[in-house]
Amino acid sequence: MATDAAATKFQNPADFRPDFHPEKISSTTTYDGLHFWQYMISGSIAGLVEHMAMFPVDTVKTHMQAIGSCPIKSVSVTHVLNSLLKSEGPAALYRGIAAMALGAGPAHAVHFSFYEVCKKHLSRDNPNSSIAHAVSGVCATVASDAVFTPMDMVKQRLQLGSDSVYKGVWDCVKRVVREEGFGAFYASYRTTVLMNAPFTAVYFTIYEAAKKGLMEISPDSVNDERWVVHATAGAAAGALAAAVTTPLDVVKTQLQCQGVCGCDRFKRWFD
């Protein structure tokens, strides 16, 4: 009798649930059910798909931002697009895409994994902390830009220069190292971080807030419309963040493309 009473006294209902693992609940809540390596793979794939889909637009943007010293003088998207298509055809819109592919995958893997790890540690007491989301985004940006900046520079130089300037990714890398030194690959790093840090802080703050708000609109069907929630929140966050950081993006392009296609050279990033 005494043994039964003691057993009853110290029984815990959780002990009779073989699938009950508190630590797994915490991990699932923080990472949306994904592990660190899964975020690296999904982030890498997402980055590649994003850049591949938007690469023609990025090429036009690069030409517009380099205006003033390069042959194309038009400030209109239509004029730049027509100039590229008439002079070199549709292939001109995809020049440099190999460099983008080499840098975007690893950089986005670093970005998303760093963001999730930082968010886990910084928002432990408050999962909805906007400050934690913003700081996590900045940390992720500093790390990922260190990976992506060299290939981004190669990509933009290939986007501006015709085949007579650079024959490909490897030719561009060799010539930059020989003529300008290794430091040329990171000439825009400080500007890139200054641009992407506020971009990412604004982006992830708005993204997390918008995602939370949209998911609360229809909590019963959140699993069915989750992709819509992520897409809508991401679009809103990206548009607002880009509006804040576009001026620095122009500076970044000028620094990365200096000396190409007649573009000016700069002694320092703030010249």
C-alpha atoms as a PDB file:
ATOM      1  CA  MET A   1       0.000   0.000   0.000  1.00  0.00           C
ATOM      2  CA  ALA A   2       2.770   2.412   0.971  1.00  0.00           C
ATOM      3  CA  THR A   3       4.662   1.602  -2.212  1.00  0.00           C
ATOM      4  CA  ASP A   4       1.596   2.227  -4.366  1.00  0.00           C
ATOM      5  CA  ALA A   5       0.914   5.526  -2.580  1.00  0.00           C
ATOM      6  CA  ALA A   6       4.491   6.682  -3.106  1.00  0.00           C
ATOM      7  CA  ALA A   7       4.366   5.738  -6.765  1.00  0.00           C
ATOM      8  CA  THR A   8       1.108   7.622  -7.177  1.00  0.00           C
ATOM      9  CA  LYS A   9       2.550  10.657  -5.398  1.00  0.00           C
ATOM     10  CA  PHE A  10       5.591  10.941  -7.641  1.00  0.00           C
ATOM     11  CA  GLN A  11       3.938  10.031 -10.907  1.00  0.00           C
ATOM     12  CA  ASN A  12       4.250  12.649 -13.633  1.00  0.00           C
ATOM     13  CA  PRO A  13       1.789  12.503 -16.541  1.00  0.00           C
ATOM     14  CA  ALA A  14       4.604  13.449 -18.920  1.00  0.00           C
ATOM     15  CA  ASP A  15       6.389  10.218 -17.989  1.00  0.00           C
ATOM     16  CA  PHE A  16       3.652   8.243 -19.706  1.00  0.00           C
ATOM     17  CA  ARG A  17       4.088  10.113 -23.002  1.00  0.00           C
ATOM     18  CA  PRO A  18       6.906   8.428 -24.920  1.00  0.00           C
ATOM     19  CA  ASP A  19       7.013  11.216 -27.515  1.00  0.00           C
ATOM     20  CA  PHE A  20       7.275  14.019 -24.976  1.00  0.00           C
ATOM     21  CA  HIS A  21      10.614  15.807 -25.328  1.00  0.00           C
ATOM     22  CA  PRO A  22      10.679  19.377 -23.946  1.00  0.00           C
ATOM     23  CA  GLU A  23      13.976  20.178 -25.603  1.00  0.00           C
ATOM     24  CA  LYS A  24      12.547  19.284 -29.015  1.00  0.00           C
ATOM     25  CA  ILE A  25       9.590  21.592 -28.491  1.00  0.00           C
ATOM     26  CA  SER A  26      11.971  24.482 -27.810  1.00  0.00           C
ATOM     27  CA  SER A  27      14.032  23.672 -30.888  1.00  0.00           C
ATOM     28  CA  THR A  28      10.958  23.357 -33.091  1.00  0.00           C
ATOM     29  CA  THR A  29       9.553  26.650 -31.845  1.00  0.00           C
ATOM     30  CA  THR A  30      12.779  28.509 -32.534  1.00  0.00           C
ATOM     31  CA  TYR A  31      13.635  27.051 -35.914  1.00  0.00           C
ATOM     32  CA  ASP A  32      10.145  26.448 -37.367  1.00  0.00           C
ATOM     33  CA  GLY A  33      10.874  22.723 -37.331  1.00  0.00           C
ATOM     34  CA  LEU A  34      14.172  22.945 -39.265  1.00  0.00           C
ATOM     35  CA  HIS A  35      17.712  22.130 -38.208  1.00  0.00           C
ATOM     36  CA  PHE A  36      20.796  24.301 -38.774  1.00  0.00           C
ATOM     37  CA  TRP A  37      21.971  22.371 -41.846  1.00  0.00           C
ATOM     38  CA  GLN A  38      18.468  22.540 -43.341  1.00  0.00           C
ATOM     39  CA  TYR A  39      18.514  26.328 -43.067  1.00  0.00           C
ATOM     40  CA  MET A  40      21.882  26.405 -44.848  1.00  0.00           C
ATOM     41  CA  ILE A  41      20.580  24.296 -47.737  1.00  0.00           C
ATOM     42  CA  SER A  42      17.215  26.050 -48.023  1.00  0.00           C
ATOM     43  CA  GLY A  43      18.873  29.474 -47.770  1.00  0.00           C
ATOM     44  CA  SER A  44      21.361  28.550 -50.486  1.00  0.00           C
ATOM     45  CA  ILE A  45      18.618  27.301 -52.814  1.00  0.00           C
ATOM     46  CA  ALA A  46      16.450  30.342 -52.114  1.00  0.00           C
ATOM     47  CA  GLY A  47      19.351  32.691 -52.886  1.00  0.00           C
ATOM     48  CA  LEU A  48      20.188  30.969 -56.156  1.00  0.00           C
ATOM     49  CA  VAL A  49      16.562  30.948 -57.322  1.00  0.00           C
ATOM     50  CA  GLU A  50      16.118  34.600 -56.373  1.00  0.00           C
ATOM     51  CA  HIS A  51      19.239  35.780 -58.218  1.00  0.00           C
ATOM     52  CA  MET A  52      18.627  33.597 -61.262  1.00  0.00           C
ATOM     53  CA  ALA A  53      15.077  34.889 -61.643  1.00  0.00           C
ATOM     54  CA  MET A  54      16.029  38.545 -61.169  1.00  0.00           C
ATOM     55  CA  PHE A  55      19.399  38.553 -62.940  1.00  0.00           C
ATOM     56  CA  PRO A  56      18.239  40.448 -66.086  1.00  0.00           C
ATOM     57  CA  VAL A  57      16.765  43.148 -63.851  1.00  0.00           C
ATOM     58  CA  ASP A  58      20.002  43.250 -61.861  1.00  0.00           C
ATOM     59  CA  THR A  59      21.977  43.730 -65.076  1.00  0.00           C
ATOM     60  CA  VAL A  60      19.840  46.710 -66.060  1.00  0.00           C
ATOM     61  CA  LYS A  61      20.189  48.119 -62.535  1.00  0.00           C
ATOM     62  CA  THR A  62      23.980  47.809 -62.671  1.00  0.00           C
ATOM     63  CA  HIS A  63      24.139  49.722 -65.975  1.00  0.00           C
ATOM     64  CA  MET A  64      21.864  52.454 -64.633  1.00  0.00           C
ATOM     65  CA  GLN A  65      23.915  52.835 -61.447  1.00  0.00           C
ATOM     66  CA  ALA A  66      27.158  53.094 -63.408  1.00  0.00           C
ATOM     67  CA  ILE A  67      25.784  55.887 -65.589  1.00  0.00           C
ATOM     68  CA  GLY A  68      27.895  59.016 -65.834  1.00  0.00           C
ATOM     69  CA  SER A  69      31.107  57.407 -66.965  1.00  0.00           C
ATOM     70  CA  CYS A  70      29.940  54.458 -69.066  1.00  0.00           C
ATOM     71  CA  PRO A  71      28.695  54.636 -72.670  1.00  0.00           C
ATOM     72  CA  ILE A  72      25.012  54.099 -71.825  1.00  0.00           C
ATOM     73  CA  LYS A  73      23.755  57.486 -70.709  1.00  0.00           C
ATOM     74  CA  SER A  74      20.020  56.828 -70.444  1.00  0.00           C
ATOM     75  CA  VAL A  75      18.404  56.882 -67.039  1.00  0.00           C
ATOM     76  CA  SER A  76      15.280  55.090 -68.210  1.00  0.00           C
ATOM     77  CA  VAL A  77      14.891  51.360 -67.635  1.00  0.00           C
ATOM     78  CA  THR A  78      13.398  50.992 -71.107  1.00  0.00           C
ATOM     79  CA  HIS A  79      16.261  52.844 -72.776  1.00  0.00           C
ATOM     80  CA  VAL A  80      18.945  50.817 -70.995  1.00  0.00           C
ATOM     81  CA  LEU A  81      17.156  47.576 -71.813  1.00  0.00           C
ATOM     82  CA  ASN A  82      16.752  48.508 -75.472  1.00  0.00           C
ATOM     83  CA  SER A  83      20.408  49.570 -75.714  1.00  0.00           C
ATOM     84  CA  LEU A  84      21.598  46.227 -74.349  1.00  0.00           C
ATOM     85  CA  LEU A  85      19.287  44.174 -76.557  1.00  0.00           C
ATOM     86  CA  LYS A  86      20.204  46.088 -79.722  1.00  0.00           C
ATOM     87  CA  SER A  87      23.944  46.055 -79.110  1.00  0.00           C
ATOM     88  CA  GLU A  88      24.443  42.473 -77.909  1.00  0.00           C
ATOM     89  CA  GLY A  89      21.104  40.689 -77.768  1.00  0.00           C
ATOM     90  CA  PRO A  90      19.381  38.884 -74.864  1.00  0.00           C
ATOM     91  CA  ALA A  91      22.661  37.191 -73.836  1.00  0.00           C
ATOM     92  CA  ALA A  92      23.898  40.551 -72.539  1.00  0.00           C
ATOM     93  CA  LEU A  93      21.295  40.391 -69.765  1.00  0.00           C
ATOM     94  CA  TYR A  94      22.877  37.207 -68.403  1.00  0.00           C
ATOM     95  CA  ARG A  95      26.554  38.107 -68.606  1.00  0.00           C
ATOM     96  CA  GLY A  96      28.138  37.383 -65.231  1.00  0.00           C
ATOM     97  CA  ILE A  97      25.522  34.898 -64.098  1.00  0.00           C
ATOM     98  CA  ALA A  98      28.205  32.245 -63.461  1.00  0.00           C
ATOM     99  CA  ALA A  99      29.940  34.516 -60.945  1.00  0.00           C
ATOM    100  CA  MET A 100      26.613  35.128 -59.249  1.00  0.00           C
ATOM    101  CA  ALA A 101      25.963  31.396 -58.981  1.00  0.00           C
ATOM    102  CA  LEU A 102      29.387  30.791 -57.420  1.00  0.00           C
ATOM    103  CA  GLY A 103      28.871  33.444 -54.753  1.00  0.00           C
ATOM    104  CA  ALA A 104      25.133  33.512 -54.065  1.00  0.00           C
ATOM    105  CA  GLY A 105      24.736  29.911 -52.907  1.00  0.00           C
ATOM    106  CA  PRO A 106      27.411  29.936 -50.167  1.00  0.00           C
ATOM    107  CA  ALA A 107      26.595  33.525 -49.158  1.00  0.00           C
ATOM    108  CA  HIS A 108      22.885  32.853 -48.661  1.00  0.00           C
ATOM    109  CA  ALA A 109      23.642  29.630 -46.795  1.00  0.00           C
ATOM    110  CA  VAL A 110      25.780  31.659 -44.387  1.00  0.00           C
ATOM    111  CA  HIS A 111      23.199  34.446 -44.213  1.00  0.00           C
ATOM    112  CA  PHE A 112      20.136  32.406 -43.293  1.00  0.00           C
ATOM    113  CA  SER A 113      21.952  30.055 -40.929  1.00  0.00           C
ATOM    114  CA  PHE A 114      23.636  32.947 -39.080  1.00  0.00           C
ATOM    115  CA  TYR A 115      20.305  34.748 -38.855  1.00  0.00           C
ATOM    116  CA  GLU A 116      18.497  31.788 -37.316  1.00  0.00           C
ATOM    117  CA  VAL A 117      21.286  31.028 -34.847  1.00  0.00           C
ATOM    118  CA  CYS A 118      21.533  34.667 -33.742  1.00  0.00           C
ATOM    119  CA  LYS A 119      17.754  34.960 -33.510  1.00  0.00           C
ATOM    120  CA  LYS A 120      17.619  31.840 -31.344  1.00  0.00           C
ATOM    121  CA  HIS A 121      20.074  33.256 -28.809  1.00  0.00           C
ATOM    122  CA  LEU A 122      18.990  36.908 -28.879  1.00  0.00           C
ATOM    123  CA  SER A 123      15.212  36.375 -28.721  1.00  0.00           C
ATOM    124  CA  ARG A 124      15.224  33.571 -26.162  1.00  0.00           C
ATOM    125  CA  ASP A 125      13.008  35.476 -23.696  1.00  0.00           C
ATOM    126  CA  ASN A 126      10.901  37.226 -26.336  1.00  0.00           C
ATOM    127  CA  PRO A 127      10.474  35.420 -29.696  1.00  0.00           C
ATOM    128  CA  ASN A 128       8.729  38.478 -31.161  1.00  0.00           C
ATOM    129  CA  SER A 129      11.485  40.968 -30.278  1.00  0.00           C
ATOM    130  CA  SER A 130      12.015  43.369 -33.188  1.00  0.00           C
ATOM    131  CA  ILE A 131      15.420  44.370 -31.811  1.00  0.00           C
ATOM    132  CA  ALA A 132      16.565  40.755 -31.773  1.00  0.00           C
ATOM    133  CA  HIS A 133      15.389  40.289 -35.367  1.00  0.00           C
ATOM    134  CA  ALA A 134      17.182  43.454 -36.491  1.00  0.00           C
ATOM    135  CA  VAL A 135      20.469  42.630 -34.725  1.00  0.00           C
ATOM    136  CA  SER A 136      20.354  39.055 -36.022  1.00  0.00           C
ATOM    137  CA  GLY A 137      19.911  40.391 -39.553  1.00  0.00           C
ATOM    138  CA  VAL A 138      22.916  42.691 -39.199  1.00  0.00           C
ATOM    139  CA  CYS A 139      25.127  39.850 -37.907  1.00  0.00           C
ATOM    140  CA  ALA A 140      24.028  37.651 -40.789  1.00  0.00           C
ATOM    141  CA  THR A 141      24.802  40.421 -43.273  1.00  0.00           C
ATOM    142  CA  VAL A 142      28.347  41.036 -42.038  1.00  0.00           C
ATOM    143  CA  ALA A 143      29.117  37.318 -42.365  1.00  0.00           C
ATOM    144  CA  SER A 144      27.453  36.715 -45.730  1.00  0.00           C
ATOM    145  CA  ASP A 145      28.869  39.870 -47.360  1.00  0.00           C
ATOM    146  CA  ALA A 146      32.382  38.652 -46.579  1.00  0.00           C
ATOM    147  CA  VAL A 147      31.581  35.601 -48.699  1.00  0.00           C
ATOM    148  CA  PHE A 148      29.632  37.261 -51.513  1.00  0.00           C
ATOM    149  CA  THR A 149      31.430  40.580 -52.112  1.00  0.00           C
ATOM    150  CA  PRO A 150      34.333  39.199 -54.239  1.00  0.00           C
ATOM    151  CA  MET A 151      32.019  37.352 -56.644  1.00  0.00           C
ATOM    152  CA  ASP A 152      29.587  40.259 -56.644  1.00  0.00           C
ATOM    153  CA  MET A 153      32.406  42.501 -57.867  1.00  0.00           C
ATOM    154  CA  VAL A 154      33.264  40.020 -60.627  1.00  0.00           C
ATOM    155  CA  LYS A 155      29.581  39.732 -61.560  1.00  0.00           C
ATOM    156  CA  GLN A 156      29.117  43.472 -61.919  1.00  0.00           C
ATOM    157  CA  ARG A 157      32.273  43.928 -63.970  1.00  0.00           C
ATOM    158  CA  LEU A 158      31.116  41.197 -66.340  1.00  0.00           C
ATOM    159  CA  GLN A 159      27.677  42.795 -66.532  1.00  0.00           C
ATOM    160  CA  LEU A 160      29.183  46.077 -67.686  1.00  0.00           C
ATOM    161  CA  GLY A 161      32.024  44.877 -69.866  1.00  0.00           C
ATOM    162  CA  SER A 162      31.627  43.189 -73.230  1.00  0.00           C
ATOM    163  CA  ASP A 163      33.468  39.988 -74.138  1.00  0.00           C
ATOM    164  CA  SER A 164      36.367  42.127 -75.347  1.00  0.00           C
ATOM    165  CA  VAL A 165      36.926  43.352 -71.775  1.00  0.00           C
ATOM    166  CA  TYR A 166      36.696  40.061 -69.857  1.00  0.00           C
ATOM    167  CA  LYS A 167      36.446  36.605 -71.386  1.00  0.00           C
ATOM    168  CA  GLY A 168      34.775  35.080 -68.348  1.00  0.00           C
ATOM    169  CA  VAL A 169      34.815  34.696 -64.589  1.00  0.00           C
ATOM    170  CA  TRP A 170      38.294  33.195 -64.329  1.00  0.00           C
ATOM    171  CA  ASP A 171      39.784  35.752 -66.747  1.00  0.00           C
ATOM    172  CA  CYS A 172      38.262  38.584 -64.716  1.00  0.00           C
ATOM    173  CA  VAL A 173      39.608  37.162 -61.440  1.00  0.00           C
ATOM    174  CA  LYS A 174      43.126  36.732 -62.849  1.00  0.00           C
ATOM    175  CA  ARG A 175      43.245  40.208 -64.356  1.00  0.00           C
ATOM    176  CA  VAL A 176      41.959  41.898 -61.210  1.00  0.00           C
ATOM    177  CA  VAL A 177      44.549  40.115 -59.056  1.00  0.00           C
ATOM    178  CA  ARG A 178      47.343  40.937 -61.505  1.00  0.00           C
ATOM    179  CA  GLU A 179      46.401  44.546 -62.239  1.00  0.00           C
ATOM    180  CA  GLU A 180      44.746  45.744 -59.007  1.00  0.00           C
ATOM    181  CA  GLY A 181      45.645  43.282 -56.272  1.00  0.00           C
ATOM    182  CA  PHE A 182      43.502  41.096 -54.035  1.00  0.00           C
ATOM    183  CA  GLY A 183      42.170  44.116 -52.142  1.00  0.00           C
ATOM    184  CA  ALA A 184      40.143  45.119 -55.205  1.00  0.00           C
ATOM    185  CA  PHE A 185      37.719  42.278 -54.486  1.00  0.00           C
ATOM    186  CA  TYR A 186      36.819  43.946 -51.189  1.00  0.00           C
ATOM    187  CA  ALA A 187      36.955  47.590 -52.306  1.00  0.00           C
ATOM    188  CA  SER A 188      33.206  47.894 -51.713  1.00  0.00           C
ATOM    189  CA  TYR A 189      32.954  45.688 -48.613  1.00  0.00           C
ATOM    190  CA  ARG A 190      32.515  48.531 -46.116  1.00  0.00           C
ATOM    191  CA  THR A 191      29.944  50.219 -48.328  1.00  0.00           C
ATOM    192  CA  THR A 192      28.206  46.888 -48.886  1.00  0.00           C
ATOM    193  CA  VAL A 193      27.962  46.267 -45.147  1.00  0.00           C
ATOM    194  CA  LEU A 194      26.793  49.843 -44.534  1.00  0.00           C
ATOM    195  CA  MET A 195      24.122  49.260 -47.172  1.00  0.00           C
ATOM    196  CA  ASN A 196      23.080  45.729 -46.301  1.00  0.00           C
ATOM    197  CA  ALA A 197      23.152  46.096 -42.525  1.00  0.00           C
ATOM    198  CA  PRO A 198      20.273  48.609 -42.406  1.00  0.00           C
ATOM    199  CA  PHE A 199      18.616  46.800 -45.322  1.00  0.00           C
ATOM    200  CA  THR A 200      18.646  43.509 -43.442  1.00  0.00           C
ATOM    201  CA  ALA A 201      17.667  45.125 -40.141  1.00  0.00           C
ATOM    202  CA  VAL A 202      14.667  46.809 -41.764  1.00  0.00           C
ATOM    203  CA  TYR A 203      13.879  43.749 -43.869  1.00  0.00           C
ATOM    204  CA  PHE A 204      13.779  41.157 -41.111  1.00  0.00           C
ATOM    205  CA  THR A 205      12.031  43.472 -38.648  1.00  0.00           C
ATOM    206  CA  ILE A 206       9.242  44.170 -41.133  1.00  0.00           C
ATOM    207  CA  TYR A 207       9.234  40.574 -42.365  1.00  0.00           C
ATOM    208  CA  GLU A 208       8.787  39.039 -38.919  1.00  0.00           C
ATOM    209  CA  ALA A 209       6.155  41.609 -37.925  1.00  0.00           C
ATOM    210  CA  ALA A 210       4.248  41.242 -41.193  1.00  0.00           C
ATOM    211  CA  LYS A 211       4.437  37.455 -41.054  1.00  0.00           C
ATOM    212  CA  LYS A 212       3.094  37.419 -37.496  1.00  0.00           C
ATOM    213  CA  GLY A 213       0.284  39.811 -38.400  1.00  0.00           C
ATOM    214  CA  LEU A 214      -0.722  37.896 -41.512  1.00  0.00           C
ATOM    215  CA  MET A 215      -0.674  34.569 -39.712  1.00  0.00           C
ATOM    216  CA  GLU A 216      -2.958  35.956 -37.011  1.00  0.00           C
ATOM    217  CA  ILE A 217      -5.545  36.937 -39.603  1.00  0.00           C
ATOM    218  CA  SER A 218      -6.442  33.312 -40.245  1.00  0.00           C
ATOM    219  CA  PRO A 219      -4.857  31.100 -37.557  1.00  0.00           C
ATOM    220  CA  ASP A 220      -7.067  28.106 -38.395  1.00  0.00           C
ATOM    221  CA  SER A 221      -5.687  27.792 -41.920  1.00  0.00           C
ATOM    222  CA  VAL A 222      -2.115  28.977 -41.290  1.00  0.00           C
ATOM    223  CA  ASN A 223      -0.598  25.720 -42.540  1.00  0.00           C
ATOM    224  CA  ASP A 224      -2.498  25.923 -45.821  1.00  0.00           C
ATOM    225  CA  GLU A 225      -1.578  29.529 -46.573  1.00  0.00           C
ATOM    226  CA  ARG A 226       1.910  29.625 -45.070  1.00  0.00           C
ATOM    227  CA  TRP A 227       3.640  30.141 -48.435  1.00  0.00           C
ATOM    228  CA  VAL A 228       1.331  33.088 -49.121  1.00  0.00           C
ATOM    229  CA  VAL A 229       2.181  34.549 -45.740  1.00  0.00           C
ATOM    230  CA  HIS A 230       5.946  34.252 -46.349  1.00  0.00           C
ATOM    231  CA  ALA A 231       5.708  35.612 -49.906  1.00  0.00           C
ATOM    232  CA  THR A 232       3.555  38.598 -48.956  1.00  0.00           C
ATOM    233  CA  ALA A 233       5.624  39.488 -45.898  1.00  0.00           C
ATOM    234  CA  GLY A 234       8.861  39.117 -47.874  1.00  0.00           C
ATOM    235  CA  ALA A 235       7.644  41.342 -50.712  1.00  0.00           C
ATOM    236  CA  ALA A 236       6.559  44.108 -48.345  1.00  0.00           C
ATOM    237  CA  ALA A 237       9.779  43.935 -46.346  1.00  0.00           C
ATOM    238  CA  GLY A 238      11.988  43.890 -49.440  1.00  0.00           C
ATOM    239  CA  ALA A 239      10.304  46.892 -51.032  1.00  0.00           C
ATOM    240  CA  LEU A 240      10.593  49.073 -47.936  1.00  0.00           C
ATOM    241  CA  ALA A 241      14.167  48.010 -47.154  1.00  0.00           C
ATOM    242  CA  ALA A 242      15.312  48.653 -50.736  1.00  0.00           C
ATOM    243  CA  ALA A 243      13.849  52.149 -50.642  1.00  0.00           C
ATOM    244  CA  VAL A 244      16.083  52.937 -47.654  1.00  0.00           C
ATOM    245  CA  THR A 245      19.353  51.564 -49.045  1.00  0.00           C
ATOM    246  CA  THR A 246      19.341  52.247 -52.812  1.00  0.00           C
ATOM    247  CA  PRO A 247      21.689  55.294 -52.598  1.00  0.00           C
ATOM    248  CA  LEU A 248      24.416  53.177 -51.009  1.00  0.00           C
ATOM    249  CA  ASP A 249      23.804  50.476 -53.604  1.00  0.00           C
ATOM    250  CA  VAL A 250      24.764  53.022 -56.280  1.00  0.00           C
ATOM    251  CA  VAL A 251      27.993  53.771 -54.401  1.00  0.00           C
ATOM    252  CA  LYS A 252      28.727  50.050 -54.148  1.00  0.00           C
ATOM    253  CA  THR A 253      28.315  49.584 -57.903  1.00  0.00           C
ATOM    254  CA  GLN A 254      30.616  52.514 -58.659  1.00  0.00           C
ATOM    255  CA  LEU A 255      33.305  51.072 -56.375  1.00  0.00           C
ATOM    256  CA  GLN A 256      33.055  47.559 -57.783  1.00  0.00           C
ATOM    257  CA  CYS A 257      33.062  48.679 -61.410  1.00  0.00           C
ATOM    258  CA  GLN A 258      35.741  51.361 -61.207  1.00  0.00           C
ATOM    259  CA  GLY A 259      38.081  51.257 -64.150  1.00  0.00           C
ATOM    260  CA  VAL A 260      35.679  49.145 -66.242  1.00  0.00           C
ATOM    261  CA  CYS A 261      33.948  50.585 -69.289  1.00  0.00           C
ATOM    262  CA  GLY A 262      35.527  53.976 -68.568  1.00  0.00           C
ATOM    263  CA  CYS A 263      34.149  54.199 -65.026  1.00  0.00           C
ATOM    264  CA  ASP A 264      36.010  56.489 -62.647  1.00  0.00           C
ATOM    265  CA  ARG A 265      38.511  55.185 -60.110  1.00  0.00           C
ATOM    266  CA  PHE A 266      38.363  56.079 -56.424  1.00  0.00           C
ATOM    267  CA  LYS A 267      41.204  56.256 -53.928  1.00  0.00           C
ATOM    268  CA  ARG A 268      38.886  55.701 -50.976  1.00  0.00           C
ATOM    269  CA  TRP A 269      35.336  54.408 -50.553  1.00  0.00           C
ATOM    270  CA  PHE A 270      34.126  57.885 -49.461  1.00  0.00           C
ATOM    271  CA  ASP A 271      35.689  59.850 -52.385  1.00  0.00           C
END
